PDB file of N, CA and C in Angstrom:
ATOM      1  N   UNK A   1     -37.485   3.022  16.785  1.00  0.00           N
ATOM      2  CA  UNK A   1     -36.761   3.942  15.922  1.00  0.00           C
ATOM      3  C   UNK A   1     -35.769   4.781  16.713  1.00  0.00           C
ATOM      4  N   UNK A   2     -36.005   4.954  18.005  1.00  0.00           N
ATOM      5  CA  UNK A   2     -35.138   5.795  18.812  1.00  0.00           C
ATOM      6  C   UNK A   2     -33.722   5.236  18.913  1.00  0.00           C
ATOM      7  N   UNK A   3     -33.612   3.901  19.077  1.00  0.00           N
ATOM      8  CA  UNK A   3     -32.293   3.291  19.208  1.00  0.00           C
ATOM      9  C   UNK A   3     -31.512   3.389  17.904  1.00  0.00           C
ATOM     10  N   UNK A   4     -32.186   3.152  16.791  1.00  0.00           N
ATOM     11  CA  UNK A   4     -31.513   3.238  15.492  1.00  0.00           C
ATOM     12  C   UNK A   4     -31.026   4.652  15.224  1.00  0.00           C
ATOM     13  N   UNK A   5     -31.860   5.617  15.538  1.00  0.00           N
ATOM     14  CA  UNK A   5     -31.488   7.015  15.309  1.00  0.00           C
ATOM     15  C   UNK A   5     -30.299   7.399  16.193  1.00  0.00           C
ATOM     16  N   UNK A   6     -30.303   6.942  17.440  1.00  0.00           N
ATOM     17  CA  UNK A   6     -29.189   7.236  18.350  1.00  0.00           C
ATOM     18  C   UNK A   6     -27.906   6.576  17.855  1.00  0.00           C
ATOM     19  N   UNK A   7     -28.022   5.335  17.365  1.00  0.00           N
ATOM     20  CA  UNK A   7     -26.854   4.636  16.841  1.00  0.00           C
ATOM     21  C   UNK A   7     -26.307   5.348  15.611  1.00  0.00           C
ATOM     22  N   UNK A   8     -27.203   5.778  14.712  1.00  0.00           N
ATOM     23  CA  UNK A   8     -26.769   6.506  13.516  1.00  0.00           C
ATOM     24  C   UNK A   8     -26.076   7.811  13.893  1.00  0.00           C
ATOM     25  N   UNK A   9     -26.633   8.495  14.884  1.00  0.00           N
ATOM     26  CA  UNK A   9     -26.040   9.754  15.330  1.00  0.00           C
ATOM     27  C   UNK A   9     -24.649   9.509  15.916  1.00  0.00           C
ATOM     28  N   UNK A  10     -24.522   8.438  16.694  1.00  0.00           N
ATOM     29  CA  UNK A  10     -23.238   8.095  17.297  1.00  0.00           C
ATOM     30  C   UNK A  10     -22.214   7.738  16.216  1.00  0.00           C
ATOM     31  N   UNK A  11     -22.631   6.953  15.231  1.00  0.00           N
ATOM     32  CA  UNK A  11     -21.732   6.588  14.139  1.00  0.00           C
ATOM     33  C   UNK A  11     -21.336   7.809  13.317  1.00  0.00           C
ATOM     34  N   UNK A  12     -22.276   8.737  13.135  1.00  0.00           N
ATOM     35  CA  UNK A  12     -21.974   9.959  12.399  1.00  0.00           C
ATOM     36  C   UNK A  12     -20.927  10.785  13.141  1.00  0.00           C
ATOM     37  N   UNK A  13     -21.072  10.917  14.459  1.00  0.00           N
ATOM     38  CA  UNK A  13     -20.087  11.665  15.259  1.00  0.00           C
ATOM     39  C   UNK A  13     -18.717  10.992  15.198  1.00  0.00           C
ATOM     40  N   UNK A  14     -18.730   9.676  15.233  1.00  0.00           N
ATOM     41  CA  UNK A  14     -17.473   8.933  15.149  1.00  0.00           C
ATOM     42  C   UNK A  14     -16.796   9.186  13.798  1.00  0.00           C
ATOM     43  N   UNK A  15     -17.578   9.192  12.730  1.00  0.00           N
ATOM     44  CA  UNK A  15     -17.035   9.470  11.397  1.00  0.00           C
ATOM     45  C   UNK A  15     -16.517  10.901  11.305  1.00  0.00           C
ATOM     46  N   UNK A  16     -17.222  11.842  11.937  1.00  0.00           N
ATOM     47  CA  UNK A  16     -16.753  13.237  11.949  1.00  0.00           C
ATOM     48  C   UNK A  16     -15.400  13.351  12.630  1.00  0.00           C
ATOM     49  N   UNK A  17     -15.254  12.694  13.775  1.00  0.00           N
ATOM     50  CA  UNK A  17     -13.973  12.747  14.505  1.00  0.00           C
ATOM     51  C   UNK A  17     -12.852  12.125  13.676  1.00  0.00           C
ATOM     52  N   UNK A  18     -13.151  11.017  13.015  1.00  0.00           N
ATOM     53  CA  UNK A  18     -12.137  10.364  12.181  1.00  0.00           C
ATOM     54  C   UNK A  18     -11.731  11.261  11.020  1.00  0.00           C
ATOM     55  N   UNK A  19     -12.708  11.939  10.418  1.00  0.00           N
ATOM     56  CA  UNK A  19     -12.407  12.849   9.310  1.00  0.00           C
ATOM     57  C   UNK A  19     -11.573  14.028   9.791  1.00  0.00           C
ATOM     58  N   UNK A  20     -11.882  14.549  10.970  1.00  0.00           N
ATOM     59  CA  UNK A  20     -11.109  15.668  11.519  1.00  0.00           C
ATOM     60  C   UNK A  20      -9.676  15.238  11.800  1.00  0.00           C
ATOM     61  N   UNK A  21      -9.497  14.047  12.354  1.00  0.00           N
ATOM     62  CA  UNK A  21      -8.148  13.549  12.630  1.00  0.00           C
ATOM     63  C   UNK A  21      -7.382  13.336  11.333  1.00  0.00           C
ATOM     64  N   UNK A  22      -8.078  12.822  10.322  1.00  0.00           N
ATOM     65  CA  UNK A  22      -7.446  12.598   9.026  1.00  0.00           C
ATOM     66  C   UNK A  22      -7.007  13.911   8.392  1.00  0.00           C
ATOM     67  N   UNK A  23      -7.858  14.930   8.480  1.00  0.00           N
ATOM     68  CA  UNK A  23      -7.491  16.222   7.887  1.00  0.00           C
ATOM     69  C   UNK A  23      -6.326  16.851   8.642  1.00  0.00           C
ATOM     70  N   UNK A  24      -6.233  16.618   9.961  1.00  0.00           N
ATOM     71  CA  UNK A  24      -5.085  17.121  10.725  1.00  0.00           C
ATOM     72  C   UNK A  24      -3.803  16.435  10.271  1.00  0.00           C
ATOM     73  N   UNK A  25      -3.877  15.121  10.024  1.00  0.00           N
ATOM     74  CA  UNK A  25      -2.703  14.397   9.541  1.00  0.00           C
ATOM     75  C   UNK A  25      -2.272  14.912   8.173  1.00  0.00           C
ATOM     76  N   UNK A  26      -3.243  15.145   7.302  1.00  0.00           N
ATOM     77  CA  UNK A  26      -2.939  15.665   5.967  1.00  0.00           C
ATOM     78  C   UNK A  26      -2.303  17.036   6.073  1.00  0.00           C
ATOM     79  N   UNK A  27      -2.848  17.894   6.916  1.00  0.00           N
ATOM     80  CA  UNK A  27      -2.301  19.240   7.097  1.00  0.00           C
ATOM     81  C   UNK A  27      -0.881  19.176   7.650  1.00  0.00           C
ATOM     82  N   UNK A  28      -0.655  18.287   8.615  1.00  0.00           N
ATOM     83  CA  UNK A  28       0.686  18.134   9.189  1.00  0.00           C
ATOM     84  C   UNK A  28       1.682  17.684   8.118  1.00  0.00           C
ATOM     85  N   UNK A  29       1.284  16.711   7.288  1.00  0.00           N
ATOM     86  CA  UNK A  29       2.163  16.241   6.221  1.00  0.00           C
ATOM     87  C   UNK A  29       2.457  17.343   5.213  1.00  0.00           C
ATOM     88  N   UNK A  30       1.447  18.147   4.880  1.00  0.00           N
ATOM     89  CA  UNK A  30       1.669  19.265   3.957  1.00  0.00           C
ATOM     90  C   UNK A  30       2.628  20.283   4.556  1.00  0.00           C
ATOM     91  N   UNK A  31       2.494  20.558   5.845  1.00  0.00           N
ATOM     92  CA  UNK A  31       3.405  21.497   6.501  1.00  0.00           C
ATOM     93  C   UNK A  31       4.835  20.966   6.511  1.00  0.00           C
ATOM     94  N   UNK A  32       4.995  19.666   6.716  1.00  0.00           N
ATOM     95  CA  UNK A  32       6.328  19.063   6.688  1.00  0.00           C
ATOM     96  C   UNK A  32       6.940  19.225   5.303  1.00  0.00           C
ATOM     97  N   UNK A  33       6.150  18.971   4.269  1.00  0.00           N
ATOM     98  CA  UNK A  33       6.653  19.124   2.903  1.00  0.00           C
ATOM     99  C   UNK A  33       7.023  20.569   2.606  1.00  0.00           C
ATOM    100  N   UNK A  34       6.221  21.516   3.082  1.00  0.00           N
ATOM    101  CA  UNK A  34       6.542  22.933   2.880  1.00  0.00           C
ATOM    102  C   UNK A  34       7.850  23.293   3.564  1.00  0.00           C
ATOM    103  N   UNK A  35       8.038  22.802   4.799  1.00  0.00           N
ATOM    104  CA  UNK A  35       9.276  23.087   5.525  1.00  0.00           C
ATOM    105  C   UNK A  35      10.482  22.499   4.804  1.00  0.00           C
ATOM    106  N   UNK A  36      10.323  21.285   4.280  1.00  0.00           N
ATOM    107  CA  UNK A  36      11.431  20.665   3.548  1.00  0.00           C
ATOM    108  C   UNK A  36      11.764  21.465   2.296  1.00  0.00           C
ATOM    109  N   UNK A  37      10.726  21.913   1.587  1.00  0.00           N
ATOM    110  CA  UNK A  37      10.959  22.682   0.365  1.00  0.00           C
ATOM    111  C   UNK A  37      11.628  24.012   0.670  1.00  0.00           C
ATOM    112  N   UNK A  38      11.236  24.658   1.749  1.00  0.00           N
ATOM    113  CA  UNK A  38      11.824  25.957   2.072  1.00  0.00           C
ATOM    114  C   UNK A  38      13.230  25.823   2.638  1.00  0.00           C
ATOM    115  N   UNK A  39      13.580  24.644   3.131  1.00  0.00           N
ATOM    116  CA  UNK A  39      14.915  24.471   3.705  1.00  0.00           C
ATOM    117  C   UNK A  39      15.956  24.079   2.661  1.00  0.00           C
ATOM    118  N   UNK A  40      15.519  23.813   1.436  1.00  0.00           N
ATOM    119  CA  UNK A  40      16.471  23.479   0.378  1.00  0.00           C
ATOM    120  C   UNK A  40      17.315  24.694   0.040  1.00  0.00           C
ATOM    121  N   UNK A  41      18.603  24.467  -0.062  1.00  0.00           N
ATOM    122  CA  UNK A  41      19.504  25.567  -0.360  1.00  0.00           C
ATOM    123  C   UNK A  41      20.167  25.340  -1.712  1.00  0.00           C
ATOM    124  N   UNK A  42      20.478  26.439  -2.366  1.00  0.00           N
ATOM    125  CA  UNK A  42      21.189  26.333  -3.632  1.00  0.00           C
ATOM    126  C   UNK A  42      22.662  26.116  -3.347  1.00  0.00           C
ATOM    127  N   UNK A  43      23.261  25.208  -4.083  1.00  0.00           N
ATOM    128  CA  UNK A  43      24.681  24.953  -3.910  1.00  0.00           C
ATOM    129  C   UNK A  43      25.471  25.956  -4.733  1.00  0.00           C
ATOM    130  N   UNK A  44      26.402  26.608  -4.084  1.00  0.00           N
ATOM    131  CA  UNK A  44      27.263  27.571  -4.764  1.00  0.00           C
ATOM    132  C   UNK A  44      28.480  26.816  -5.260  1.00  0.00           C
ATOM    133  N   UNK A  45      28.862  27.077  -6.479  1.00  0.00           N
ATOM    134  CA  UNK A  45      30.027  26.415  -7.039  1.00  0.00           C
ATOM    135  C   UNK A  45      31.292  26.984  -6.410  1.00  0.00           C
ATOM    136  N   UNK A  46      32.187  26.092  -6.020  1.00  0.00           N
ATOM    137  CA  UNK A  46      33.456  26.546  -5.465  1.00  0.00           C
ATOM    138  C   UNK A  46      34.354  27.139  -6.545  1.00  0.00           C
ATOM    139  N   UNK A  47      33.996  26.949  -7.810  1.00  0.00           N
ATOM    140  CA  UNK A  47      34.767  27.560  -8.897  1.00  0.00           C
ATOM    141  C   UNK A  47      34.658  29.078  -8.861  1.00  0.00           C
ATOM    142  N   UNK A  48      33.625  29.588  -8.201  1.00  0.00           N
ATOM    143  CA  UNK A  48      33.447  31.040  -8.122  1.00  0.00           C
ATOM    144  C   UNK A  48      34.508  31.686  -7.235  1.00  0.00           C
ATOM    145  N   UNK A  49      35.159  30.890  -6.392  1.00  0.00           N
ATOM    146  CA  UNK A  49      36.242  31.415  -5.559  1.00  0.00           C
ATOM    147  C   UNK A  49      37.518  31.282  -6.385  1.00  0.00           C
ATOM    148  N   UNK A  50      37.993  32.380  -6.910  1.00  0.00           N
ATOM    149  CA  UNK A  50      39.021  32.359  -7.953  1.00  0.00           C
ATOM    150  C   UNK A  50      40.384  31.891  -7.472  1.00  0.00           C
ATOM    151  N   UNK A  51      40.718  32.095  -6.219  1.00  0.00           N
ATOM    152  CA  UNK A  51      42.068  31.771  -5.771  1.00  0.00           C
ATOM    153  C   UNK A  51      42.239  30.304  -5.384  1.00  0.00           C
ATOM    154  N   UNK A  52      41.189  29.501  -5.464  1.00  0.00           N
ATOM    155  CA  UNK A  52      41.298  28.088  -5.127  1.00  0.00           C
ATOM    156  C   UNK A  52      41.822  27.292  -6.315  1.00  0.00           C
ATOM    157  N   UNK A  53      42.649  26.318  -5.998  1.00  0.00           N
ATOM    158  CA  UNK A  53      43.135  25.413  -7.038  1.00  0.00           C
ATOM    159  C   UNK A  53      42.096  24.317  -7.264  1.00  0.00           C
ATOM    160  N   UNK A  54      42.220  23.625  -8.386  1.00  0.00           N
ATOM    161  CA  UNK A  54      41.240  22.607  -8.757  1.00  0.00           C
ATOM    162  C   UNK A  54      41.168  21.491  -7.703  1.00  0.00           C
ATOM    163  N   UNK A  55      42.301  21.093  -7.161  1.00  0.00           N
ATOM    164  CA  UNK A  55      42.292  20.023  -6.146  1.00  0.00           C
ATOM    165  C   UNK A  55      41.537  20.472  -4.889  1.00  0.00           C
ATOM    166  N   UNK A  56      41.697  21.759  -4.523  1.00  0.00           N
ATOM    167  CA  UNK A  56      40.965  22.281  -3.364  1.00  0.00           C
ATOM    168  C   UNK A  56      39.464  22.286  -3.628  1.00  0.00           C
ATOM    169  N   UNK A  57      39.092  22.652  -4.841  1.00  0.00           N
ATOM    170  CA  UNK A  57      37.674  22.674  -5.224  1.00  0.00           C
ATOM    171  C   UNK A  57      37.085  21.268  -5.140  1.00  0.00           C
ATOM    172  N   UNK A  58      37.835  20.278  -5.647  1.00  0.00           N
ATOM    173  CA  UNK A  58      37.352  18.897  -5.604  1.00  0.00           C
ATOM    174  C   UNK A  58      37.219  18.407  -4.162  1.00  0.00           C
ATOM    175  N   UNK A  59      38.186  18.772  -3.314  1.00  0.00           N
ATOM    176  CA  UNK A  59      38.111  18.381  -1.900  1.00  0.00           C
ATOM    177  C   UNK A  59      36.894  19.006  -1.223  1.00  0.00           C
ATOM    178  N   UNK A  60      36.663  20.284  -1.487  1.00  0.00           N
ATOM    179  CA  UNK A  60      35.509  20.957  -0.889  1.00  0.00           C
ATOM    180  C   UNK A  60      34.197  20.348  -1.375  1.00  0.00           C
ATOM    181  N   UNK A  61      34.141  19.995  -2.666  1.00  0.00           N
ATOM    182  CA  UNK A  61      32.937  19.344  -3.197  1.00  0.00           C
ATOM    183  C   UNK A  61      32.702  17.996  -2.512  1.00  0.00           C
ATOM    184  N   UNK A  62      33.777  17.240  -2.310  1.00  0.00           N
ATOM    185  CA  UNK A  62      33.647  15.936  -1.645  1.00  0.00           C
ATOM    186  C   UNK A  62      33.179  16.111  -0.202  1.00  0.00           C
ATOM    187  N   UNK A  63      33.734  17.104   0.483  1.00  0.00           N
ATOM    188  CA  UNK A  63      33.318  17.375   1.863  1.00  0.00           C
ATOM    189  C   UNK A  63      31.849  17.771   1.901  1.00  0.00           C
ATOM    190  N   UNK A  64      31.440  18.625   0.964  1.00  0.00           N
ATOM    191  CA  UNK A  64      30.039  19.059   0.934  1.00  0.00           C
ATOM    192  C   UNK A  64      29.110  17.874   0.687  1.00  0.00           C
ATOM    193  N   UNK A  65      29.461  17.013  -0.284  1.00  0.00           N
ATOM    194  CA  UNK A  65      28.626  15.835  -0.558  1.00  0.00           C
ATOM    195  C   UNK A  65      28.518  14.942   0.675  1.00  0.00           C
ATOM    196  N   UNK A  66      29.643  14.756   1.366  1.00  0.00           N
ATOM    197  CA  UNK A  66      29.648  13.935   2.574  1.00  0.00           C
ATOM    198  C   UNK A  66      28.759  14.544   3.655  1.00  0.00           C
ATOM    199  N   UNK A  67      28.868  15.848   3.852  1.00  0.00           N
ATOM    200  CA  UNK A  67      28.040  16.517   4.858  1.00  0.00           C
ATOM    201  C   UNK A  67      26.561  16.445   4.508  1.00  0.00           C
ATOM    202  N   UNK A  68      26.236  16.646   3.245  1.00  0.00           N
ATOM    203  CA  UNK A  68      24.835  16.568   2.811  1.00  0.00           C
ATOM    204  C   UNK A  68      24.286  15.170   3.070  1.00  0.00           C
ATOM    205  N   UNK A  69      25.086  14.149   2.764  1.00  0.00           N
ATOM    206  CA  UNK A  69      24.651  12.773   2.995  1.00  0.00           C
ATOM    207  C   UNK A  69      24.431  12.512   4.488  1.00  0.00           C
ATOM    208  N   UNK A  70      25.331  13.005   5.326  1.00  0.00           N
ATOM    209  CA  UNK A  70      25.186  12.811   6.773  1.00  0.00           C
ATOM    210  C   UNK A  70      23.965  13.547   7.307  1.00  0.00           C
ATOM    211  N   UNK A  71      23.724  14.746   6.800  1.00  0.00           N
ATOM    212  CA  UNK A  71      22.545  15.508   7.227  1.00  0.00           C
ATOM    213  C   UNK A  71      21.270  14.768   6.849  1.00  0.00           C
ATOM    214  N   UNK A  72      21.225  14.224   5.648  1.00  0.00           N
ATOM    215  CA  UNK A  72      20.034  13.469   5.224  1.00  0.00           C
ATOM    216  C   UNK A  72      19.823  12.234   6.090  1.00  0.00           C
ATOM    217  N   UNK A  73      20.923  11.581   6.462  1.00  0.00           N
ATOM    218  CA  UNK A  73      20.817  10.420   7.347  1.00  0.00           C
ATOM    219  C   UNK A  73      20.235  10.824   8.693  1.00  0.00           C
ATOM    220  N   UNK A  74      20.735  11.917   9.239  1.00  0.00           N
ATOM    221  CA  UNK A  74      20.227  12.409  10.525  1.00  0.00           C
ATOM    222  C   UNK A  74      18.755  12.785  10.409  1.00  0.00           C
ATOM    223  N   UNK A  75      18.371  13.407   9.291  1.00  0.00           N
ATOM    224  CA  UNK A  75      16.966  13.780   9.099  1.00  0.00           C
ATOM    225  C   UNK A  75      16.078  12.545   9.058  1.00  0.00           C
ATOM    226  N   UNK A  76      16.538  11.485   8.378  1.00  0.00           N
ATOM    227  CA  UNK A  76      15.741  10.251   8.324  1.00  0.00           C
ATOM    228  C   UNK A  76      15.593   9.636   9.716  1.00  0.00           C
ATOM    229  N   UNK A  77      16.694   9.608  10.473  1.00  0.00           N
ATOM    230  CA  UNK A  77      16.632   9.064  11.832  1.00  0.00           C
ATOM    231  C   UNK A  77      15.678   9.902  12.677  1.00  0.00           C
ATOM    232  N   UNK A  78      15.746  11.221  12.511  1.00  0.00           N
ATOM    233  CA  UNK A  78      14.871  12.113  13.266  1.00  0.00           C
ATOM    234  C   UNK A  78      13.407  11.876  12.907  1.00  0.00           C
ATOM    235  N   UNK A  79      13.126  11.670  11.620  1.00  0.00           N
ATOM    236  CA  UNK A  79      11.744  11.394  11.205  1.00  0.00           C
ATOM    237  C   UNK A  79      11.240  10.100  11.845  1.00  0.00           C
ATOM    238  N   UNK A  80      12.088   9.058  11.858  1.00  0.00           N
ATOM    239  CA  UNK A  80      11.687   7.795  12.487  1.00  0.00           C
ATOM    240  C   UNK A  80      11.446   7.994  13.982  1.00  0.00           C
ATOM    241  N   UNK A  81      12.330   8.758  14.607  1.00  0.00           N
ATOM    242  CA  UNK A  81      12.183   9.023  16.038  1.00  0.00           C
ATOM    243  C   UNK A  81      10.890   9.785  16.310  1.00  0.00           C
ATOM    244  N   UNK A  82      10.599  10.806  15.499  1.00  0.00           N
ATOM    245  CA  UNK A  82       9.370  11.580  15.687  1.00  0.00           C
ATOM    246  C   UNK A  82       8.142  10.689  15.494  1.00  0.00           C
ATOM    247  N   UNK A  83       8.190   9.802  14.511  1.00  0.00           N
ATOM    248  CA  UNK A  83       7.075   8.894  14.270  1.00  0.00           C
ATOM    249  C   UNK A  83       6.884   7.959  15.469  1.00  0.00           C
ATOM    250  N   UNK A  84       7.994   7.412  15.977  1.00  0.00           N
ATOM    251  CA  UNK A  84       7.909   6.553  17.161  1.00  0.00           C
ATOM    252  C   UNK A  84       7.355   7.322  18.348  1.00  0.00           C
ATOM    253  N   UNK A  85       7.810   8.553  18.507  1.00  0.00           N
ATOM    254  CA  UNK A  85       7.353   9.374  19.623  1.00  0.00           C
ATOM    255  C   UNK A  85       5.858   9.650  19.521  1.00  0.00           C
ATOM    256  N   UNK A  86       5.367   9.939  18.310  1.00  0.00           N
ATOM    257  CA  UNK A  86       3.931  10.173  18.138  1.00  0.00           C
ATOM    258  C   UNK A  86       3.132   8.919  18.472  1.00  0.00           C
ATOM    259  N   UNK A  87       3.642   7.752  18.073  1.00  0.00           N
ATOM    260  CA  UNK A  87       2.902   6.524  18.374  1.00  0.00           C
ATOM    261  C   UNK A  87       2.901   6.247  19.874  1.00  0.00           C
ATOM    262  N   UNK A  88       4.009   6.537  20.544  1.00  0.00           N
ATOM    263  CA  UNK A  88       4.059   6.374  21.999  1.00  0.00           C
ATOM    264  C   UNK A  88       3.155   7.398  22.656  1.00  0.00           C
ATOM    265  N   UNK A  89       3.187   8.615  22.141  1.00  0.00           N
ATOM    266  CA  UNK A  89       2.422   9.723  22.704  1.00  0.00           C
ATOM    267  C   UNK A  89       0.924   9.456  22.651  1.00  0.00           C
ATOM    268  N   UNK A  90       0.483   8.765  21.632  1.00  0.00           N
ATOM    269  CA  UNK A  90      -0.952   8.557  21.487  1.00  0.00           C
ATOM    270  C   UNK A  90      -1.518   7.642  22.572  1.00  0.00           C
ATOM    271  N   UNK A  91      -0.686   6.781  23.152  1.00  0.00           N
ATOM    272  CA  UNK A  91      -1.231   5.834  24.108  1.00  0.00           C
ATOM    273  C   UNK A  91      -0.797   6.009  25.542  1.00  0.00           C
ATOM    274  N   UNK A  92       0.111   6.936  25.796  1.00  0.00           N
ATOM    275  CA  UNK A  92       0.652   7.054  27.146  1.00  0.00           C
ATOM    276  C   UNK A  92       0.497   8.459  27.687  1.00  0.00           C
ATOM    277  N   UNK A  93       0.685   8.601  28.993  1.00  0.00           N
ATOM    278  CA  UNK A  93       0.613   9.940  29.570  1.00  0.00           C
ATOM    279  C   UNK A  93       1.968  10.635  29.456  1.00  0.00           C
ATOM    280  N   UNK A  94       2.027  11.924  29.786  1.00  0.00           N
ATOM    281  CA  UNK A  94       3.213  12.732  29.526  1.00  0.00           C
ATOM    282  C   UNK A  94       4.417  12.322  30.367  1.00  0.00           C
ATOM    283  N   UNK A  95       4.224  11.831  31.587  1.00  0.00           N
ATOM    284  CA  UNK A  95       5.361  11.416  32.408  1.00  0.00           C
ATOM    285  C   UNK A  95       6.099  10.248  31.777  1.00  0.00           C
ATOM    286  N   UNK A  96       5.363   9.322  31.213  1.00  0.00           N
ATOM    287  CA  UNK A  96       6.007   8.191  30.547  1.00  0.00           C
ATOM    288  C   UNK A  96       6.739   8.644  29.294  1.00  0.00           C
ATOM    289  N   UNK A  97       6.192   9.611  28.594  1.00  0.00           N
ATOM    290  CA  UNK A  97       6.851  10.127  27.394  1.00  0.00           C
ATOM    291  C   UNK A  97       8.165  10.790  27.772  1.00  0.00           C
ATOM    292  N   UNK A  98       8.156  11.597  28.824  1.00  0.00           N
ATOM    293  CA  UNK A  98       9.386  12.255  29.268  1.00  0.00           C
ATOM    294  C   UNK A  98      10.434  11.212  29.629  1.00  0.00           C
ATOM    295  N   UNK A  99      10.025  10.158  30.307  1.00  0.00           N
ATOM    296  CA  UNK A  99      10.959   9.102  30.677  1.00  0.00           C
ATOM    297  C   UNK A  99      11.509   8.416  29.428  1.00  0.00           C
ATOM    298  N   UNK A 100      10.650   8.122  28.459  1.00  0.00           N
ATOM    299  CA  UNK A 100      11.093   7.475  27.228  1.00  0.00           C
ATOM    300  C   UNK A 100      12.088   8.356  26.489  1.00  0.00           C
ATOM    301  N   UNK A 101      11.843   9.658  26.460  1.00  0.00           N
ATOM    302  CA  UNK A 101      12.771  10.575  25.805  1.00  0.00           C
ATOM    303  C   UNK A 101      14.124  10.568  26.495  1.00  0.00           C
ATOM    304  N   UNK A 102      14.129  10.634  27.810  1.00  0.00           N
ATOM    305  CA  UNK A 102      15.384  10.663  28.560  1.00  0.00           C
ATOM    306  C   UNK A 102      16.164   9.380  28.322  1.00  0.00           C
ATOM    307  N   UNK A 103      15.493   8.247  28.375  1.00  0.00           N
ATOM    308  CA  UNK A 103      16.157   6.964  28.174  1.00  0.00           C
ATOM    309  C   UNK A 103      16.716   6.879  26.765  1.00  0.00           C
ATOM    310  N   UNK A 104      15.948   7.293  25.784  1.00  0.00           N
ATOM    311  CA  UNK A 104      16.394   7.197  24.398  1.00  0.00           C
ATOM    312  C   UNK A 104      17.576   8.125  24.139  1.00  0.00           C
ATOM    313  N   UNK A 105      17.540   9.321  24.700  1.00  0.00           N
ATOM    314  CA  UNK A 105      18.645  10.264  24.521  1.00  0.00           C
ATOM    315  C   UNK A 105      19.899   9.724  25.201  1.00  0.00           C
ATOM    316  N   UNK A 106      19.755   9.168  26.391  1.00  0.00           N
ATOM    317  CA  UNK A 106      20.913   8.593  27.088  1.00  0.00           C
ATOM    318  C   UNK A 106      21.503   7.436  26.300  1.00  0.00           C
ATOM    319  N   UNK A 107      20.654   6.594  25.726  1.00  0.00           N
ATOM    320  CA  UNK A 107      21.144   5.460  24.947  1.00  0.00           C
ATOM    321  C   UNK A 107      21.898   5.920  23.708  1.00  0.00           C
ATOM    322  N   UNK A 108      21.464   6.985  23.099  1.00  0.00           N
ATOM    323  CA  UNK A 108      22.135   7.486  21.899  1.00  0.00           C
ATOM    324  C   UNK A 108      23.471   8.138  22.227  1.00  0.00           C
ATOM    325  N   UNK A 109      23.589   8.734  23.407  1.00  0.00           N
ATOM    326  CA  UNK A 109      24.835   9.413  23.762  1.00  0.00           C
ATOM    327  C   UNK A 109      25.909   8.433  24.213  1.00  0.00           C
ATOM    328  N   UNK A 110      25.517   7.206  24.569  1.00  0.00           N
ATOM    329  CA  UNK A 110      26.510   6.211  25.025  1.00  0.00           C
ATOM    330  C   UNK A 110      27.296   5.638  23.894  1.00  0.00           C
TER     331      UNK A 110
END
């Protein structure tokens, strides 16, 4: 009975660790969603600026839409990069992570 009890205890500890890791992931995802929600900004209508002509308003709206689209693209790339970094981080030591970051940043700047 001693071996079975030890095995059950070991499996229970393993399940506890998995549950703790899972709850950390859930908490991290909730924090990300909160940050995204708090970073949303209200768009101010350019019509409120009385001295602008309609063509200027349309140009500013087009520029804003373009910038918003580019920002969202950068955010998606950043999320993918962070996900890749976490997966690398889980299996490697910090010196290798620093090297991977430097190489990736250099490749992006070229």
